[in-house]
Each structure stands twice: as C-alpha cells, then as structure tokens.
C-alpha atoms as a PDB file:
ATOM      1  CA  UNK A   1       0.130   0.008  -0.103  1.00  0.00           C
ATOM      2  CA  UNK A   2       1.303   3.624  -0.508  1.00  0.00           C
ATOM      3  CA  UNK A   3       1.438   6.315   2.137  1.00  0.00           C
ATOM      4  CA  UNK A   4      -0.398   8.081  -0.298  1.00  0.00           C
ATOM      5  CA  UNK A   5      -3.372   5.835   0.447  1.00  0.00           C
ATOM      6  CA  UNK A   6      -3.149   6.026   3.807  1.00  0.00           C
ATOM      7  CA  UNK A   7      -6.460   8.452   4.530  1.00  0.00           C
ATOM      8  CA  UNK A   8      -8.280   7.243   2.555  1.00  0.00           C
ATOM      9  CA  UNK A   9      -8.091   3.860   4.382  1.00  0.00           C
ATOM     10  CA  UNK A  10      -7.957   4.954   7.942  1.00  0.00           C
ATOM     11  CA  UNK A  11     -11.376   6.527   6.076  1.00  0.00           C
ATOM     12  CA  UNK A  12     -12.717   3.574   5.752  1.00  0.00           C
ATOM     13  CA  UNK A  13     -11.514   2.122   9.088  1.00  0.00           C
ATOM     14  CA  UNK A  14     -12.632   5.007  11.089  1.00  0.00           C
ATOM     15  CA  UNK A  15     -15.710   3.382  12.525  1.00  0.00           C
ATOM     16  CA  UNK A  16     -13.426   0.498  14.464  1.00  0.00           C
ATOM     17  CA  UNK A  17     -10.530   2.069  15.376  1.00  0.00           C
ATOM     18  CA  UNK A  18     -11.447   3.689  18.798  1.00  0.00           C
ATOM     19  CA  UNK A  19     -12.605  -0.260  19.778  1.00  0.00           C
ATOM     20  CA  UNK A  20      -8.735  -1.650  18.406  1.00  0.00           C
ATOM     21  CA  UNK A  21      -6.936   0.540  20.208  1.00  0.00           C
ATOM     22  CA  UNK A  22      -8.830   0.624  23.092  1.00  0.00           C
ATOM     23  CA  UNK A  23      -7.911  -3.462  23.262  1.00  0.00           C
ATOM     24  CA  UNK A  24      -4.212  -1.724  23.625  1.00  0.00           C
ATOM     25  CA  UNK A  25      -4.039  -1.490  27.848  1.00  0.00           C
ATOM     26  CA  UNK A  26      -1.087   0.851  27.388  1.00  0.00           C
ATOM     27  CA  UNK A  27      -2.302   3.035  24.312  1.00  0.00           C
ATOM     28  CA  UNK A  28      -3.936   5.806  25.811  1.00  0.00           C
ATOM     29  CA  UNK A  29      -1.740   5.786  29.509  1.00  0.00           C
ATOM     30  CA  UNK A  30       1.524   6.291  26.912  1.00  0.00           C
ATOM     31  CA  UNK A  31      -0.194   8.913  24.243  1.00  0.00           C
ATOM     32  CA  UNK A  32      -0.687  11.283  27.787  1.00  0.00           C
ATOM     33  CA  UNK A  33       2.759  10.423  28.866  1.00  0.00           C
ATOM     34  CA  UNK A  34       4.499  11.748  25.530  1.00  0.00           C
ATOM     35  CA  UNK A  35       1.886  14.837  25.461  1.00  0.00           C
ATOM     36  CA  UNK A  36       3.015  15.446  28.930  1.00  0.00           C
ATOM     37  CA  UNK A  37       6.253  16.285  27.499  1.00  0.00           C
ATOM     38  CA  UNK A  38       5.213  19.250  25.650  1.00  0.00           C
ATOM     39  CA  UNK A  39       5.121  20.987  29.158  1.00  0.00           C
ATOM     40  CA  UNK A  40       2.589  22.884  28.211  1.00  0.00           C
ATOM     41  CA  UNK A  41       0.895  25.583  30.563  1.00  0.00           C
ATOM     42  CA  UNK A  42      -2.267  28.033  30.476  1.00  0.00           C
ATOM     43  CA  UNK A  43      -3.067  30.009  27.337  1.00  0.00           C
ATOM     44  CA  UNK A  44      -0.670  28.347  24.849  1.00  0.00           C
ATOM     45  CA  UNK A  45      -1.848  27.292  21.960  1.00  0.00           C
ATOM     46  CA  UNK A  46      -1.116  23.807  20.832  1.00  0.00           C
ATOM     47  CA  UNK A  47      -1.039  21.815  17.083  1.00  0.00           C
ATOM     48  CA  UNK A  48      -2.282  18.479  16.913  1.00  0.00           C
ATOM     49  CA  UNK A  49      -1.009  16.953  13.893  1.00  0.00           C
ATOM     50  CA  UNK A  50      -2.360  13.851  12.866  1.00  0.00           C
ATOM     51  CA  UNK A  51      -5.421  13.485  15.397  1.00  0.00           C
ATOM     52  CA  UNK A  52      -7.249  11.006  14.092  1.00  0.00           C
ATOM     53  CA  UNK A  53      -9.957  10.050  15.892  1.00  0.00           C
ATOM     54  CA  UNK A  54      -9.195  12.441  18.785  1.00  0.00           C
ATOM     55  CA  UNK A  55      -6.929  10.204  21.293  1.00  0.00           C
ATOM     56  CA  UNK A  56      -4.141  12.624  20.723  1.00  0.00           C
ATOM     57  CA  UNK A  57      -6.499  15.301  21.358  1.00  0.00           C
ATOM     58  CA  UNK A  58      -8.078  14.271  24.478  1.00  0.00           C
ATOM     59  CA  UNK A  59      -3.594  13.518  25.581  1.00  0.00           C
ATOM     60  CA  UNK A  60      -3.271  17.407  25.255  1.00  0.00           C
ATOM     61  CA  UNK A  61      -6.805  18.142  27.177  1.00  0.00           C
ATOM     62  CA  UNK A  62      -6.023  16.542  30.269  1.00  0.00           C
ATOM     63  CA  UNK A  63      -2.257  17.413  29.834  1.00  0.00           C
ATOM     64  CA  UNK A  64      -3.055  21.046  30.637  1.00  0.00           C
ATOM     65  CA  UNK A  65      -6.511  23.054  31.040  1.00  0.00           C
ATOM     66  CA  UNK A  66      -6.969  25.819  29.189  1.00  0.00           C
ATOM     67  CA  UNK A  67      -4.588  25.506  25.999  1.00  0.00           C
ATOM     68  CA  UNK A  68      -6.013  26.283  22.811  1.00  0.00           C
ATOM     69  CA  UNK A  69      -5.872  22.805  20.207  1.00  0.00           C
ATOM     70  CA  UNK A  70      -5.939  23.211  17.097  1.00  0.00           C
ATOM     71  CA  UNK A  71      -6.226  19.287  15.832  1.00  0.00           C
ATOM     72  CA  UNK A  72      -5.775  18.557  12.106  1.00  0.00           C
ATOM     73  CA  UNK A  73      -6.292  15.228  10.156  1.00  0.00           C
ATOM     74  CA  UNK A  74      -5.827  14.064   6.663  1.00  0.00           C
ATOM     75  CA  UNK A  75      -8.583  11.238   6.928  1.00  0.00           C
ATOM     76  CA  UNK A  76     -12.544  13.169   6.735  1.00  0.00           C
ATOM     77  CA  UNK A  77     -13.417   9.427   8.132  1.00  0.00           C
ATOM     78  CA  UNK A  78     -11.453   9.801  11.273  1.00  0.00           C
ATOM     79  CA  UNK A  79     -12.245  13.527  11.815  1.00  0.00           C
ATOM     80  CA  UNK A  80     -15.660  12.876  11.653  1.00  0.00           C
ATOM     81  CA  UNK A  81     -15.860  10.288  14.989  1.00  0.00           C
ATOM     82  CA  UNK A  82     -13.228  12.592  16.565  1.00  0.00           C
ATOM     83  CA  UNK A  83     -15.880  15.461  16.014  1.00  0.00           C
ATOM     84  CA  UNK A  84     -19.186  13.037  17.687  1.00  0.00           C
ATOM     85  CA  UNK A  85     -17.029  13.666  21.116  1.00  0.00           C
ATOM     86  CA  UNK A  86     -17.531  15.868  23.820  1.00  0.00           C
ATOM     87  CA  UNK A  87     -14.970  18.691  23.576  1.00  0.00           C
ATOM     88  CA  UNK A  88     -13.985  22.293  25.625  1.00  0.00           C
ATOM     89  CA  UNK A  89     -14.885  25.388  23.619  1.00  0.00           C
ATOM     90  CA  UNK A  90     -11.043  25.658  23.200  1.00  0.00           C
ATOM     91  CA  UNK A  91     -10.085  22.881  20.473  1.00  0.00           C
ATOM     92  CA  UNK A  92     -11.047  22.903  17.143  1.00  0.00           C
ATOM     93  CA  UNK A  93     -10.961  20.425  14.290  1.00  0.00           C
ATOM     94  CA  UNK A  94      -9.775  20.718  10.276  1.00  0.00           C
ATOM     95  CA  UNK A  95      -9.240  18.867   7.817  1.00  0.00           C
ATOM     96  CA  UNK A  96      -6.379  19.066   6.222  1.00  0.00           C
ATOM     97  CA  UNK A  97      -3.029  16.769   5.051  1.00  0.00           C
ATOM     98  CA  UNK A  98       0.095  18.022   7.251  1.00  0.00           C
ATOM     99  CA  UNK A  99       1.621  19.793   5.125  1.00  0.00           C
ATOM    100  CA  UNK A 100      -1.131  22.218   4.124  1.00  0.00           C
ATOM    101  CA  UNK A 101      -1.804  23.081   7.560  1.00  0.00           C
ATOM    102  CA  UNK A 102      -2.234  27.367   7.351  1.00  0.00           C
ATOM    103  CA  UNK A 103      -3.065  28.075  10.977  1.00  0.00           C
ATOM    104  CA  UNK A 104      -0.044  30.607  12.209  1.00  0.00           C
ATOM    105  CA  UNK A 105       2.217  29.977  14.455  1.00  0.00           C
ATOM    106  CA  UNK A 106       1.836  27.588  17.703  1.00  0.00           C
ATOM    107  CA  UNK A 107       3.931  27.342  20.626  1.00  0.00           C
ATOM    108  CA  UNK A 108       4.139  23.534  20.851  1.00  0.00           C
ATOM    109  CA  UNK A 109       2.888  20.436  18.527  1.00  0.00           C
ATOM    110  CA  UNK A 110       1.923  17.220  18.972  1.00  0.00           C
ATOM    111  CA  UNK A 111       1.851  14.756  16.110  1.00  0.00           C
ATOM    112  CA  UNK A 112       1.727  10.835  17.204  1.00  0.00           C
ATOM    113  CA  UNK A 113       2.241   8.082  14.820  1.00  0.00           C
ATOM    114  CA  UNK A 114       2.291  10.864  12.120  1.00  0.00           C
ATOM    115  CA  UNK A 115       5.763  11.415  10.915  1.00  0.00           C
ATOM    116  CA  UNK A 116       6.410   7.460   9.746  1.00  0.00           C
ATOM    117  CA  UNK A 117       3.511   7.601   7.495  1.00  0.00           C
ATOM    118  CA  UNK A 118       4.557  10.589   5.125  1.00  0.00           C
ATOM    119  CA  UNK A 119       5.790  10.364   2.062  1.00  0.00           C
ATOM    120  CA  UNK A 120       8.402  13.413   2.153  1.00  0.00           C
ATOM    121  CA  UNK A 121       9.121  13.958   6.051  1.00  0.00           C
ATOM    122  CA  UNK A 122      11.902  16.303   6.200  1.00  0.00           C
ATOM    123  CA  UNK A 123      10.064  18.779   4.074  1.00  0.00           C
ATOM    124  CA  UNK A 124       7.180  19.049   7.287  1.00  0.00           C
ATOM    125  CA  UNK A 125       9.515  18.955   9.816  1.00  0.00           C
ATOM    126  CA  UNK A 126      11.032  21.735   8.559  1.00  0.00           C
ATOM    127  CA  UNK A 127       8.257  23.730   8.096  1.00  0.00           C
ATOM    128  CA  UNK A 128       6.914  22.784  11.289  1.00  0.00           C
ATOM    129  CA  UNK A 129      10.073  24.027  13.075  1.00  0.00           C
ATOM    130  CA  UNK A 130       9.164  27.292  11.627  1.00  0.00           C
ATOM    131  CA  UNK A 131       5.447  27.040  12.706  1.00  0.00           C
ATOM    132  CA  UNK A 132       6.910  26.912  15.988  1.00  0.00           C
ATOM    133  CA  UNK A 133       7.176  30.239  18.520  1.00  0.00           C
ATOM    134  CA  UNK A 134      10.848  30.248  19.353  1.00  0.00           C
ATOM    135  CA  UNK A 135      11.965  27.238  21.797  1.00  0.00           C
ATOM    136  CA  UNK A 136       8.486  25.940  20.847  1.00  0.00           C
ATOM    137  CA  UNK A 137       8.459  22.451  21.628  1.00  0.00           C
ATOM    138  CA  UNK A 138       7.684  19.721  19.243  1.00  0.00           C
ATOM    139  CA  UNK A 139       6.776  15.665  20.064  1.00  0.00           C
ATOM    140  CA  UNK A 140       6.511  12.915  17.943  1.00  0.00           C
ATOM    141  CA  UNK A 141       4.743   9.996  19.531  1.00  0.00           C
ATOM    142  CA  UNK A 142       5.772   7.097  17.298  1.00  0.00           C
ATOM    143  CA  UNK A 143       6.711   3.732  16.903  1.00  0.00           C
ATOM    144  CA  UNK A 144      10.672   3.507  16.146  1.00  0.00           C
ATOM    145  CA  UNK A 145      11.909  -0.559  16.027  1.00  0.00           C
ATOM    146  CA  UNK A 146      14.699  -0.460  13.529  1.00  0.00           C
ATOM    147  CA  UNK A 147      17.746   0.333  16.107  1.00  0.00           C
ATOM    148  CA  UNK A 148      16.804  -3.088  18.529  1.00  0.00           C
ATOM    149  CA  UNK A 149      16.098  -6.694  16.717  1.00  0.00           C
ATOM    150  CA  UNK A 150      14.548  -7.496  20.088  1.00  0.00           C
ATOM    151  CA  UNK A 151      12.342  -4.364  20.222  1.00  0.00           C
ATOM    152  CA  UNK A 152      11.513  -5.725  16.501  1.00  0.00           C
ATOM    153  CA  UNK A 153      10.327  -9.142  17.419  1.00  0.00           C
ATOM    154  CA  UNK A 154       8.248  -7.910  19.483  1.00  0.00           C
ATOM    155  CA  UNK A 155       6.306  -5.735  17.097  1.00  0.00           C
ATOM    156  CA  UNK A 156       6.373  -7.837  14.794  1.00  0.00           C
ATOM    157  CA  UNK A 157       4.786 -10.483  17.653  1.00  0.00           C
ATOM    158  CA  UNK A 158       2.213  -8.216  18.830  1.00  0.00           C
ATOM    159  CA  UNK A 159       1.086  -7.559  15.055  1.00  0.00           C
ATOM    160  CA  UNK A 160      -0.038 -11.617  15.075  1.00  0.00           C
ATOM    161  CA  UNK A 161      -2.805 -10.262  16.770  1.00  0.00           C
ATOM    162  CA  UNK A 162      -2.736  -6.346  15.370  1.00  0.00           C
ATOM    163  CA  UNK A 163      -3.617  -7.427  11.406  1.00  0.00           C
ATOM    164  CA  UNK A 164      -6.352  -9.886  12.027  1.00  0.00           C
ATOM    165  CA  UNK A 165      -8.035  -7.907  15.023  1.00  0.00           C
ATOM    166  CA  UNK A 166      -8.504  -5.264  12.298  1.00  0.00           C
ATOM    167  CA  UNK A 167      -9.028  -7.329   9.766  1.00  0.00           C
ATOM    168  CA  UNK A 168     -12.097  -8.604  11.127  1.00  0.00           C
ATOM    169  CA  UNK A 169     -13.023  -5.668  12.889  1.00  0.00           C
ATOM    170  CA  UNK A 170     -13.130  -3.300   9.880  1.00  0.00           C
ATOM    171  CA  UNK A 171     -12.704  -6.120   6.417  1.00  0.00           C
ATOM    172  CA  UNK A 172      -9.658  -4.380   5.442  1.00  0.00           C
ATOM    173  CA  UNK A 173      -6.056  -6.232   6.518  1.00  0.00           C
ATOM    174  CA  UNK A 174      -3.916  -4.253   3.821  1.00  0.00           C
ATOM    175  CA  UNK A 175      -4.342  -1.241   6.225  1.00  0.00           C
ATOM    176  CA  UNK A 176      -2.763  -3.030   9.086  1.00  0.00           C
ATOM    177  CA  UNK A 177      -0.425  -4.899   7.188  1.00  0.00           C
ATOM    178  CA  UNK A 178       0.644  -1.456   6.059  1.00  0.00           C
ATOM    179  CA  UNK A 179       1.061  -0.588   9.786  1.00  0.00           C
ATOM    180  CA  UNK A 180       3.399  -3.672  10.492  1.00  0.00           C
ATOM    181  CA  UNK A 181       5.496  -2.937   7.284  1.00  0.00           C
ATOM    182  CA  UNK A 182       6.190   0.781   7.721  1.00  0.00           C
ATOM    183  CA  UNK A 183       7.135   0.069  11.129  1.00  0.00           C
ATOM    184  CA  UNK A 184       9.333  -2.254  10.217  1.00  0.00           C
ATOM    185  CA  UNK A 185      10.839   0.175   7.428  1.00  0.00           C
ATOM    186  CA  UNK A 186      10.720   4.074   9.189  1.00  0.00           C
ATOM    187  CA  UNK A 187      14.234   5.249  10.833  1.00  0.00           C
ATOM    188  CA  UNK A 188      15.002   3.434  14.199  1.00  0.00           C
ATOM    189  CA  UNK A 189      15.283   6.412  17.252  1.00  0.00           C
ATOM    190  CA  UNK A 190      18.942   7.643  17.102  1.00  0.00           C
ATOM    191  CA  UNK A 191      17.758   8.272  12.891  1.00  0.00           C
ATOM    192  CA  UNK A 192      15.548   9.965  13.972  1.00  0.00           C
ATOM    193  CA  UNK A 193      16.704  12.119  17.116  1.00  0.00           C
ATOM    194  CA  UNK A 194      18.942  12.527  13.603  1.00  0.00           C
ATOM    195  CA  UNK A 195      16.212  13.693  11.284  1.00  0.00           C
ATOM    196  CA  UNK A 196      15.021  16.353  13.947  1.00  0.00           C
ATOM    197  CA  UNK A 197      18.307  18.034  14.684  1.00  0.00           C
ATOM    198  CA  UNK A 198      19.268  17.982  10.415  1.00  0.00           C
ATOM    199  CA  UNK A 199      15.668  20.208   9.792  1.00  0.00           C
ATOM    200  CA  UNK A 200      16.687  22.398  12.633  1.00  0.00           C
ATOM    201  CA  UNK A 201      15.590  20.877  16.191  1.00  0.00           C
ATOM    202  CA  UNK A 202      17.584  22.205  19.134  1.00  0.00           C
ATOM    203  CA  UNK A 203      17.928  19.311  22.351  1.00  0.00           C
ATOM    204  CA  UNK A 204      16.226  16.865  20.802  1.00  0.00           C
ATOM    205  CA  UNK A 205      16.399  13.734  22.998  1.00  0.00           C
ATOM    206  CA  UNK A 206      13.920  10.849  22.900  1.00  0.00           C
ATOM    207  CA  UNK A 207      12.699   8.125  25.548  1.00  0.00           C
ATOM    208  CA  UNK A 208      10.702   4.902  25.574  1.00  0.00           C
ATOM    209  CA  UNK A 209       7.252   4.180  26.465  1.00  0.00           C
ATOM    210  CA  UNK A 210       6.666   2.048  29.429  1.00  0.00           C
ATOM    211  CA  UNK A 211       4.975  -1.329  29.761  1.00  0.00           C
ATOM    212  CA  UNK A 212       4.084  -3.704  27.073  1.00  0.00           C
ATOM    213  CA  UNK A 213       4.582  -0.975  23.945  1.00  0.00           C
ATOM    214  CA  UNK A 214       8.955  -1.247  26.154  1.00  0.00           C
ATOM    215  CA  UNK A 215      10.574  -0.552  22.570  1.00  0.00           C
ATOM    216  CA  UNK A 216       8.557  -0.042  20.246  1.00  0.00           C
ATOM    217  CA  UNK A 217       6.494   3.200  21.132  1.00  0.00           C
ATOM    218  CA  UNK A 218       8.670   6.467  21.714  1.00  0.00           C
ATOM    219  CA  UNK A 219       8.269   9.755  22.675  1.00  0.00           C
ATOM    220  CA  UNK A 220      10.937  12.472  20.442  1.00  0.00           C
ATOM    221  CA  UNK A 221      11.272  16.027  21.803  1.00  0.00           C
ATOM    222  CA  UNK A 222      12.747  18.552  19.820  1.00  0.00           C
ATOM    223  CA  UNK A 223      12.991  22.681  20.473  1.00  0.00           C
ATOM    224  CA  UNK A 224      12.515  25.056  17.835  1.00  0.00           C
ATOM    225  CA  UNK A 225      16.185  27.408  18.419  1.00  0.00           C
ATOM    226  CA  UNK A 226      15.784  30.693  20.581  1.00  0.00           C
ATOM    227  CA  UNK A 227      15.484  33.259  18.930  1.00  0.00           C
ATOM    228  CA  UNK A 228      18.930  34.543  19.129  1.00  0.00           C
ATOM    229  CA  UNK A 229      20.250  31.601  17.901  1.00  0.00           C
ATOM    230  CA  UNK A 230      18.096  32.367  14.350  1.00  0.00           C
ATOM    231  CA  UNK A 231      20.137  35.396  13.831  1.00  0.00           C
END
C-alpha cells in the first residue's frame, strides 16, 4: 500500500479504530505521557497534527487545561469520529493534509503516529520548526524498532494479534499489514533524532514508553531554536 493511500484507508477503517486501540491497555497512557513532555501551560496554542479520532487530542486536553488546541487530520472519516465526541470550546478540528496546514504559529506541536506515514517527512519537519514560536516544543509519539532486534521481534509478535483483529473489525487487512511493514522499515530512534536535528531542531531527546510498548513506542522531543540563535 502506498503512503498516499493512507488517509483514504483510514476513512474506511475509522468506524473500528477506537475499539481496536481500546484493546491495547497501554495505548492511551502512553499518549498522555508524551503529551506531558510538551510542558504545556495555560494560554498556550497547540497543534495536534494527525489527530485521528481524537485520542491524541484528549491526551492534550488532560495535559493542560486552558490551552487552545487545533487538531488536524487528512482523513475525513477519522475527523468525523473525533467531532462526535464532547470537547471543550478551546478545541477545534480541521480537515487538512499535514503538509498543507495554514493555521498560524504555535507554542507546541504534537504529532502521534504521523511522521512514519508521510511520503516526505523532512519538508514537513522543517515547516513545523518554522511554525513554532522561538523555543517551542515538538513532540513526536511514534513507533520505532529498527535499532533493536528484540523490539522488532516484539513488534512482529504484537502484529500477529493486531493484523487479524484489524481485519476482523474493519474488513480490511491491507491497512494493518501496512502498519506492521511501515514500522519495521521506519527510522530507528537514533535516526529519527538525527532527522530532527538535521531539520533544525535543538535539544533533541527520546525515551521509550513503558509497559507492553517498551522499546516499540517512543517519545521524541525537539525544540525550535531560541530567537537569538536564529540570527
């Protein structure tokens, strides 16, 4: 499956997405830990890029009451599911490709399970750096197993459950086979940290999620340069 097909595949799989992720007991706690890494404070403006059905948006709402959240996704089907849920007035949903977002500047950007699905991640990362206020934080919540044979084996074993479960719930095997393959082929944690630095982020670090997803899901943090460093 080509990466350009991913939004359309999610349109068709949206009806079963919340059920499937709900079967993973670590899914939502891991998102909340990554959201807290943004260091959000009241009054900040946050971009939730690739928000899906709103799981990442909910993590941001819990991380900092009083922040403005612009939640964006390229899949109309996933956004429709997200909009049906109850949200504070400070949450707004936008249908757009990540590359086409035009919503001004942000104090922080959260992107969960997004970068791996982009045909060209580097141009978007450079654009996100420019969309952040000086010193603003980017957090990527992402699968990354390539640095470890053990993590790759764990991920493949997990997909022995994920792929048939996704097929059963949505009737589409291809999206979940793509999920397995895309994670195996994606950057290891070292390469993704280097990618962030190469595209202008500073203070880059990463840490693995705890529990069942240990070594499979990671929190990646990068900062836009402070203003004096840009001169």
